[in-house]
C-alpha atoms as a PDB file:
ATOM      1  CA  MET A   1       0.000   0.000   0.000  1.00  0.00           C
ATOM      2  CA  GLU A   2       1.404   3.374  -1.029  1.00  0.00           C
ATOM      3  CA  LEU A   3       0.629   6.793   0.407  1.00  0.00           C
ATOM      4  CA  CYS A   4       1.472   9.639  -1.968  1.00  0.00           C
ATOM      5  CA  ILE A   5       2.292  13.108  -0.648  1.00  0.00           C
ATOM      6  CA  LEU A   6       2.747  16.332  -2.583  1.00  0.00           C
ATOM      7  CA  SER A   7       4.173  19.003  -0.328  1.00  0.00           C
ATOM      8  CA  GLY A   8       5.841  22.351  -0.134  1.00  0.00           C
ATOM      9  CA  GLY A   9       9.456  22.065   0.950  1.00  0.00           C
ATOM     10  CA  ALA A  10       8.699  23.630   4.329  1.00  0.00           C
ATOM     11  CA  ALA A  11       7.223  20.345   5.576  1.00  0.00           C
ATOM     12  CA  ALA A  12      10.038  18.019   4.497  1.00  0.00           C
ATOM     13  CA  GLY A  13      11.768  18.137   7.860  1.00  0.00           C
ATOM     14  CA  LEU A  14       8.507  17.265   9.593  1.00  0.00           C
ATOM     15  CA  VAL A  15       7.394  14.400   7.358  1.00  0.00           C
ATOM     16  CA  ASN A  16      10.746  12.676   6.859  1.00  0.00           C
ATOM     17  CA  PRO A  17      11.575  11.996  10.546  1.00  0.00           C
ATOM     18  CA  LEU A  18       8.164  10.341  10.988  1.00  0.00           C
ATOM     19  CA  LYS A  19       8.224   8.335   7.768  1.00  0.00           C
ATOM     20  CA  ALA A  20       9.842   5.063   8.900  1.00  0.00           C
ATOM     21  CA  ASP A  21       7.728   4.630  12.047  1.00  0.00           C
ATOM     22  CA  PHE A  22       4.496   5.452  10.224  1.00  0.00           C
ATOM     23  CA  GLU A  23       5.323   3.002   7.420  1.00  0.00           C
ATOM     24  CA  ALA A  24       6.062   0.249   9.943  1.00  0.00           C
ATOM     25  CA  ALA A  25       2.920   0.926  11.986  1.00  0.00           C
ATOM     26  CA  HIS A  26       0.600   0.987   8.961  1.00  0.00           C
ATOM     27  CA  ALA A  27       2.295  -1.503   6.629  1.00  0.00           C
ATOM     28  CA  CYS A  28       2.594   1.086   3.894  1.00  0.00           C
ATOM     29  CA  GLN A  29       5.155   3.015   1.891  1.00  0.00           C
ATOM     30  CA  ILE A  30       5.194   6.810   1.766  1.00  0.00           C
ATOM     31  CA  ARG A  31       6.119   8.356  -1.571  1.00  0.00           C
ATOM     32  CA  SER A  32       6.660  12.053  -1.040  1.00  0.00           C
ATOM     33  CA  THR A  33       7.584  14.898  -3.359  1.00  0.00           C
ATOM     34  CA  PHE A  34       8.735  18.210  -1.875  1.00  0.00           C
ATOM     35  CA  SER A  35       9.112  21.366  -3.927  1.00  0.00           C
ATOM     36  CA  ALA A  36       7.667  24.840  -4.472  1.00  0.00           C
ATOM     37  CA  VAL A  37       4.013  25.008  -3.461  1.00  0.00           C
ATOM     38  CA  GLY A  38       2.993  26.358  -6.872  1.00  0.00           C
ATOM     39  CA  ALA A  39       4.656  23.422  -8.599  1.00  0.00           C
ATOM     40  CA  MET A  40       2.952  20.964  -6.238  1.00  0.00           C
ATOM     41  CA  LYS A  41      -0.437  22.504  -6.941  1.00  0.00           C
ATOM     42  CA  GLU A  42       0.179  22.151 -10.674  1.00  0.00           C
ATOM     43  CA  LYS A  43       1.146  18.492 -10.233  1.00  0.00           C
ATOM     44  CA  LEU A  44      -2.118  17.815  -8.429  1.00  0.00           C
ATOM     45  CA  LEU A  45      -4.151  19.595 -11.103  1.00  0.00           C
ATOM     46  CA  ALA A  46      -2.300  17.653 -13.803  1.00  0.00           C
ATOM     47  CA  GLY A  47      -3.426  14.362 -12.248  1.00  0.00           C
ATOM     48  CA  GLU A  48      -0.370  13.358 -10.209  1.00  0.00           C
ATOM     49  CA  PRO A  49      -1.363  10.702  -7.615  1.00  0.00           C
ATOM     50  CA  CYS A  50      -1.798  12.383  -4.244  1.00  0.00           C
ATOM     51  CA  ASP A  51      -3.344  11.228  -0.981  1.00  0.00           C
ATOM     52  CA  LEU A  52      -2.154  14.097   1.191  1.00  0.00           C
ATOM     53  CA  LEU A  53      -1.414  17.638   0.059  1.00  0.00           C
ATOM     54  CA  ILE A  54       0.675  20.077   2.133  1.00  0.00           C
ATOM     55  CA  LEU A  55       0.723  23.664   0.845  1.00  0.00           C
ATOM     56  CA  THR A  56       0.000  27.141   2.102  1.00  0.00           C
ATOM     57  CA  GLN A  57      -3.393  27.430   3.754  1.00  0.00           C
ATOM     58  CA  ALA A  58      -4.486  29.889   1.071  1.00  0.00           C
ATOM     59  CA  LEU A  59      -3.767  27.353  -1.677  1.00  0.00           C
ATOM     60  CA  ILE A  60      -5.500  24.518   0.195  1.00  0.00           C
ATOM     61  CA  GLU A  61      -8.562  26.704   0.704  1.00  0.00           C
ATOM     62  CA  GLY A  62      -8.602  27.593  -2.982  1.00  0.00           C
ATOM     63  CA  LEU A  63      -8.363  23.932  -3.987  1.00  0.00           C
ATOM     64  CA  MET A  64     -11.124  23.068  -1.554  1.00  0.00           C
ATOM     65  CA  ALA A  65     -13.334  25.743  -3.098  1.00  0.00           C
ATOM     66  CA  SER A  66     -12.637  24.354  -6.582  1.00  0.00           C
ATOM     67  CA  GLY A  67     -13.492  20.818  -5.503  1.00  0.00           C
ATOM     68  CA  HIS A  68      -9.955  19.401  -5.638  1.00  0.00           C
ATOM     69  CA  VAL A  69      -9.585  18.992  -1.845  1.00  0.00           C
ATOM     70  CA  ARG A  70     -12.149  17.342   0.432  1.00  0.00           C
ATOM     71  CA  ALA A  71     -14.289  19.714   2.444  1.00  0.00           C
ATOM     72  CA  GLY A  72     -13.405  19.585   6.127  1.00  0.00           C
ATOM     73  CA  SER A  73      -9.989  17.988   5.616  1.00  0.00           C
ATOM     74  CA  LEU A  74      -7.956  21.191   6.038  1.00  0.00           C
ATOM     75  CA  ALA A  75      -5.758  21.339   9.142  1.00  0.00           C
ATOM     76  CA  ALA A  76      -3.040  23.875   9.904  1.00  0.00           C
ATOM     77  CA  LEU A  77       0.551  22.864  10.647  1.00  0.00           C
ATOM     78  CA  GLY A  78       1.716  26.288  11.792  1.00  0.00           C
ATOM     79  CA  VAL A  79       3.228  29.567  10.662  1.00  0.00           C
ATOM     80  CA  VAL A  80       6.541  29.619   8.819  1.00  0.00           C
ATOM     81  CA  LYS A  81       8.545  32.820   8.554  1.00  0.00           C
ATOM     82  CA  THR A  82      11.283  33.683   6.084  1.00  0.00           C
ATOM     83  CA  GLY A  83      14.886  34.016   7.177  1.00  0.00           C
ATOM     84  CA  ILE A  84      18.421  34.761   6.060  1.00  0.00           C
ATOM     85  CA  ALA A  85      21.123  32.096   6.074  1.00  0.00           C
ATOM     86  CA  VAL A  86      24.875  31.772   5.644  1.00  0.00           C
ATOM     87  CA  LYS A  87      27.160  28.771   5.479  1.00  0.00           C
ATOM     88  CA  ALA A  88      27.844  27.245   8.885  1.00  0.00           C
ATOM     89  CA  GLY A  89      30.724  29.001  10.616  1.00  0.00           C
ATOM     90  CA  SER A  90      30.706  31.979   8.244  1.00  0.00           C
ATOM     91  CA  ALA A  91      30.604  35.594   9.375  1.00  0.00           C
ATOM     92  CA  ARG A  92      27.073  36.758  10.145  1.00  0.00           C
ATOM     93  CA  PRO A  93      26.268  40.114   8.544  1.00  0.00           C
ATOM     94  CA  ALA A  94      23.819  42.504  10.148  1.00  0.00           C
ATOM     95  CA  ILE A  95      20.310  42.131   8.651  1.00  0.00           C
ATOM     96  CA  GLN A  96      18.188  44.221  11.019  1.00  0.00           C
ATOM     97  CA  THR A  97      17.446  47.124   8.676  1.00  0.00           C
ATOM     98  CA  ARG A  98      16.946  47.889   4.989  1.00  0.00           C
ATOM     99  CA  ALA A  99      20.471  49.348   4.810  1.00  0.00           C
ATOM    100  CA  ASP A 100      21.878  46.256   6.523  1.00  0.00           C
ATOM    101  CA  LEU A 101      20.247  43.991   3.945  1.00  0.00           C
ATOM    102  CA  GLN A 102      21.522  46.032   1.040  1.00  0.00           C
ATOM    103  CA  ALA A 103      25.057  45.891   2.404  1.00  0.00           C
ATOM    104  CA  ALA A 104      24.865  42.163   3.143  1.00  0.00           C
ATOM    105  CA  PHE A 105      23.631  41.293  -0.343  1.00  0.00           C
ATOM    106  CA  ARG A 106      26.139  43.570  -2.060  1.00  0.00           C
ATOM    107  CA  ALA A 107      28.959  41.928  -0.118  1.00  0.00           C
ATOM    108  CA  ALA A 108      27.893  38.422  -1.154  1.00  0.00           C
ATOM    109  CA  GLU A 109      29.484  36.475  -3.996  1.00  0.00           C
ATOM    110  CA  GLY A 110      26.355  34.353  -4.390  1.00  0.00           C
ATOM    111  CA  ILE A 111      22.727  34.865  -3.318  1.00  0.00           C
ATOM    112  CA  TYR A 112      20.736  31.640  -2.991  1.00  0.00           C
ATOM    113  CA  PHE A 113      16.943  31.514  -3.012  1.00  0.00           C
ATOM    114  CA  PRO A 114      14.030  29.432  -4.341  1.00  0.00           C
ATOM    115  CA  ASP A 115      12.104  29.846  -7.588  1.00  0.00           C
ATOM    116  CA  PRO A 116      10.917  33.485  -7.823  1.00  0.00           C
ATOM    117  CA  LYS A 117       7.840  32.447  -9.815  1.00  0.00           C
ATOM    118  CA  LEU A 118       6.511  29.325  -8.057  1.00  0.00           C
ATOM    119  CA  ALA A 119       7.962  29.218  -4.528  1.00  0.00           C
ATOM    120  CA  THR A 120       6.323  31.270  -1.770  1.00  0.00           C
ATOM    121  CA  ALA A 121       9.618  32.469  -0.301  1.00  0.00           C
ATOM    122  CA  GLY A 122      11.203  32.977  -3.708  1.00  0.00           C
ATOM    123  CA  ILE A 123       8.363  35.180  -4.960  1.00  0.00           C
ATOM    124  CA  HIS A 124       8.519  37.256  -1.804  1.00  0.00           C
ATOM    125  CA  PHE A 125      12.309  37.524  -1.685  1.00  0.00           C
ATOM    126  CA  PHE A 126      12.523  38.713  -5.274  1.00  0.00           C
ATOM    127  CA  LYS A 127      10.066  41.499  -4.368  1.00  0.00           C
ATOM    128  CA  VAL A 128      12.370  42.410  -1.478  1.00  0.00           C
ATOM    129  CA  LEU A 129      15.307  42.607  -3.903  1.00  0.00           C
ATOM    130  CA  GLN A 130      13.253  44.843  -6.182  1.00  0.00           C
ATOM    131  CA  THR A 131      12.329  47.092  -3.271  1.00  0.00           C
ATOM    132  CA  LEU A 132      16.002  47.349  -2.323  1.00  0.00           C
ATOM    133  CA  GLY A 133      16.912  48.202  -5.918  1.00  0.00           C
ATOM    134  CA  LEU A 134      19.128  45.132  -6.235  1.00  0.00           C
ATOM    135  CA  ASP A 135      17.167  42.972  -8.682  1.00  0.00           C
ATOM    136  CA  VAL A 136      19.151  44.229 -11.684  1.00  0.00           C
ATOM    137  CA  GLU A 137      22.393  45.288 -10.001  1.00  0.00           C
ATOM    138  CA  LEU A 138      23.081  41.848  -8.488  1.00  0.00           C
ATOM    139  CA  VAL A 139      21.394  39.578 -11.029  1.00  0.00           C
ATOM    140  CA  ASP A 140      24.667  37.840 -11.920  1.00  0.00           C
ATOM    141  CA  ARG A 141      24.987  36.669  -8.321  1.00  0.00           C
ATOM    142  CA  PHE A 142      21.523  35.122  -8.082  1.00  0.00           C
ATOM    143  CA  ARG A 143      21.447  31.341  -7.619  1.00  0.00           C
ATOM    144  CA  THR A 144      17.845  30.137  -7.923  1.00  0.00           C
ATOM    145  CA  PHE A 145      16.529  26.616  -7.398  1.00  0.00           C
ATOM    146  CA  PRO A 146      13.136  24.855  -7.577  1.00  0.00           C
ATOM    147  CA  ASN A 147      12.657  25.179  -3.809  1.00  0.00           C
ATOM    148  CA  GLY A 148      14.318  26.437  -0.670  1.00  0.00           C
ATOM    149  CA  ALA A 149      15.657  23.050   0.378  1.00  0.00           C
ATOM    150  CA  THR A 150      17.616  22.573  -2.854  1.00  0.00           C
ATOM    151  CA  ALA A 151      18.802  26.180  -2.716  1.00  0.00           C
ATOM    152  CA  MET A 152      20.173  25.731   0.810  1.00  0.00           C
ATOM    153  CA  ALA A 153      21.737  22.357  -0.008  1.00  0.00           C
ATOM    154  CA  ALA A 154      23.515  23.911  -2.987  1.00  0.00           C
ATOM    155  CA  MET A 155      24.749  26.803  -0.867  1.00  0.00           C
ATOM    156  CA  ALA A 156      26.099  24.369   1.720  1.00  0.00           C
ATOM    157  CA  LYS A 157      28.170  22.666  -1.004  1.00  0.00           C
ATOM    158  CA  ASP A 158      29.425  25.890  -2.584  1.00  0.00           C
ATOM    159  CA  THR A 159      33.055  26.564  -1.743  1.00  0.00           C
ATOM    160  CA  GLY A 160      32.681  30.344  -2.017  1.00  0.00           C
ATOM    161  CA  ALA A 161      33.610  32.428   1.010  1.00  0.00           C
ATOM    162  CA  HIS A 162      30.854  35.047   0.956  1.00  0.00           C
ATOM    163  CA  LEU A 163      27.484  33.442   0.364  1.00  0.00           C
ATOM    164  CA  ILE A 164      24.032  34.351   1.613  1.00  0.00           C
ATOM    165  CA  GLY A 165      20.585  32.827   1.159  1.00  0.00           C
ATOM    166  CA  CYS A 166      16.949  33.502   1.850  1.00  0.00           C
ATOM    167  CA  THR A 167      14.099  31.028   2.216  1.00  0.00           C
ATOM    168  CA  GLN A 168      11.653  29.765   4.793  1.00  0.00           C
ATOM    169  CA  VAL A 169      13.055  29.111   8.251  1.00  0.00           C
ATOM    170  CA  THR A 170      12.049  25.435   8.156  1.00  0.00           C
ATOM    171  CA  GLU A 171      14.154  24.774   5.058  1.00  0.00           C
ATOM    172  CA  ILE A 172      17.141  26.546   6.592  1.00  0.00           C
ATOM    173  CA  LYS A 173      16.913  24.614   9.847  1.00  0.00           C
ATOM    174  CA  TYR A 174      16.609  21.273   8.072  1.00  0.00           C
ATOM    175  CA  THR A 175      19.794  21.779   6.007  1.00  0.00           C
ATOM    176  CA  ALA A 176      23.141  20.635   7.377  1.00  0.00           C
ATOM    177  CA  GLY A 177      25.963  23.104   6.851  1.00  0.00           C
ATOM    178  CA  ILE A 178      23.702  26.162   6.924  1.00  0.00           C
ATOM    179  CA  ASP A 179      23.127  28.631   9.777  1.00  0.00           C
ATOM    180  CA  LEU A 180      20.003  30.713  10.269  1.00  0.00           C
ATOM    181  CA  ILE A 181      21.151  34.222  11.198  1.00  0.00           C
ATOM    182  CA  GLY A 182      17.744  35.813  11.599  1.00  0.00           C
ATOM    183  CA  LEU A 183      14.417  36.733  10.067  1.00  0.00           C
ATOM    184  CA  LEU A 184      13.824  39.331   7.410  1.00  0.00           C
ATOM    185  CA  PRO A 185      13.322  42.781   9.002  1.00  0.00           C
ATOM    186  CA  GLN A 186       9.735  43.449  10.019  1.00  0.00           C
ATOM    187  CA  GLU A 187       9.012  45.701   7.030  1.00  0.00           C
ATOM    188  CA  PHE A 188       9.832  42.748   4.757  1.00  0.00           C
ATOM    189  CA  GLU A 189       8.416  39.980   6.937  1.00  0.00           C
ATOM    190  CA  LEU A 190       6.690  37.026   5.327  1.00  0.00           C
ATOM    191  CA  ALA A 191       4.695  34.737   7.619  1.00  0.00           C
ATOM    192  CA  THR A 192       2.983  31.870   5.811  1.00  0.00           C
ATOM    193  CA  VAL A 193       0.428  29.506   7.321  1.00  0.00           C
ATOM    194  CA  TYR A 194       1.016  25.960   6.103  1.00  0.00           C
ATOM    195  CA  ALA A 195      -1.811  23.472   6.072  1.00  0.00           C
ATOM    196  CA  LEU A 196      -2.696  20.048   4.767  1.00  0.00           C
ATOM    197  CA  GLY A 197      -5.710  18.641   2.997  1.00  0.00           C
ATOM    198  CA  ILE A 198      -6.877  15.388   1.434  1.00  0.00           C
ATOM    199  CA  PRO A 199      -7.515  15.565  -2.330  1.00  0.00           C
ATOM    200  CA  THR A 200     -10.858  14.354  -3.635  1.00  0.00           C
ATOM    201  CA  THR A 201      -8.912  11.964  -5.883  1.00  0.00           C
ATOM    202  CA  ALA A 202      -7.018  10.344  -2.956  1.00  0.00           C
ATOM    203  CA  GLN A 203      -6.715   6.576  -3.253  1.00  0.00           C
ATOM    204  CA  GLN A 204      -5.863   6.144   0.450  1.00  0.00           C
ATOM    205  CA  PRO A 205      -8.000   8.777   2.205  1.00  0.00           C
ATOM    206  CA  GLU A 206      -8.182   6.968   5.550  1.00  0.00           C
ATOM    207  CA  LEU A 207      -4.425   6.428   5.701  1.00  0.00           C
ATOM    208  CA  ALA A 208      -3.954  10.073   4.732  1.00  0.00           C
ATOM    209  CA  ARG A 209      -6.305  11.112   7.532  1.00  0.00           C
ATOM    210  CA  GLN A 210      -4.226   9.170  10.060  1.00  0.00           C
ATOM    211  CA  LEU A 211      -0.988  10.749   8.868  1.00  0.00           C
ATOM    212  CA  ALA A 212      -2.648  14.168   8.918  1.00  0.00           C
ATOM    213  CA  GLN A 213      -3.652  13.638  12.535  1.00  0.00           C
ATOM    214  CA  LEU A 214      -0.081  12.690  13.405  1.00  0.00           C
ATOM    215  CA  LEU A 215       1.429  15.692  11.633  1.00  0.00           C
ATOM    216  CA  THR A 216      -0.912  18.180  13.313  1.00  0.00           C
ATOM    217  CA  GLY A 217      -1.322  16.434  16.678  1.00  0.00           C
ATOM    218  CA  SER A 218       0.146  16.999  20.117  1.00  0.00           C
ATOM    219  CA  SER A 219       2.745  14.226  19.749  1.00  0.00           C
ATOM    220  CA  THR A 220       4.551  16.153  17.001  1.00  0.00           C
ATOM    221  CA  ARG A 221       4.173  19.594  18.563  1.00  0.00           C
ATOM    222  CA  GLU A 222       7.800  19.828  19.714  1.00  0.00           C
ATOM    223  CA  LEU A 223       9.076  18.520  16.380  1.00  0.00           C
ATOM    224  CA  ARG A 224       7.183  21.245  14.551  1.00  0.00           C
ATOM    225  CA  ILE A 225       8.475  23.965  16.883  1.00  0.00           C
ATOM    226  CA  ALA A 226      12.079  22.716  16.658  1.00  0.00           C
ATOM    227  CA  GLY A 227      11.800  22.673  12.882  1.00  0.00           C
ATOM    228  CA  GLY A 228      10.729  26.287  12.592  1.00  0.00           C
ATOM    229  CA  PHE A 229       6.930  26.180  12.686  1.00  0.00           C
ATOM    230  CA  GLU A 230       5.297  28.735  14.956  1.00  0.00           C
ATOM    231  CA  LEU A 231       2.135  27.166  16.317  1.00  0.00           C
ATOM    232  CA  GLN A 232      -1.163  28.989  16.512  1.00  0.00           C
ATOM    233  CA  ASP A 233      -2.821  28.347  19.860  1.00  0.00           C
END
């Protein structure tokens, strides 16, 4: 029995640690795909098998309204904010103000971030770069990837000395070799509510419901907090 998940990258560090125990307890195999939420939505709409969908709450609500997600299946995982990262052990530039950000990005040899068209954090970060007047000036330093997790993994492997990245806090925390140095300044803050839902085309809806309960339940509360989710009480 196979349980198929399409998910934004923010939830990878929550799903993966639970995968082996859930598979053993339910005699199933989890097949999960993590990438930009926009890309995951398009996969669902194109007919990709999916039993559990993890995207932004806004996208889940839209898919529920269009009949692609079961009414009543939405459940929130928590709020994910967007942060700035450097390679582990690297100098940590100041990022508290607009001027700080401009200086930090101008000093970087490479700027890593997720897809500026399909990824929640990538779309937002590119708008920040535009606001700072850096979208054209620094374009040769941009290193974009399908999602934040792949962007951070690539930055961790880069041998450059002055690298900086921006994506959701969860994807930064889940990547070895990367340090979170702080959140975007308040004027540029992005706080995204992530949620899950069960598609109307799910082949294993009951199994998906059980995994959904685990992911949003009290037993995984500390795992979500440690991974960068801010819980809404």
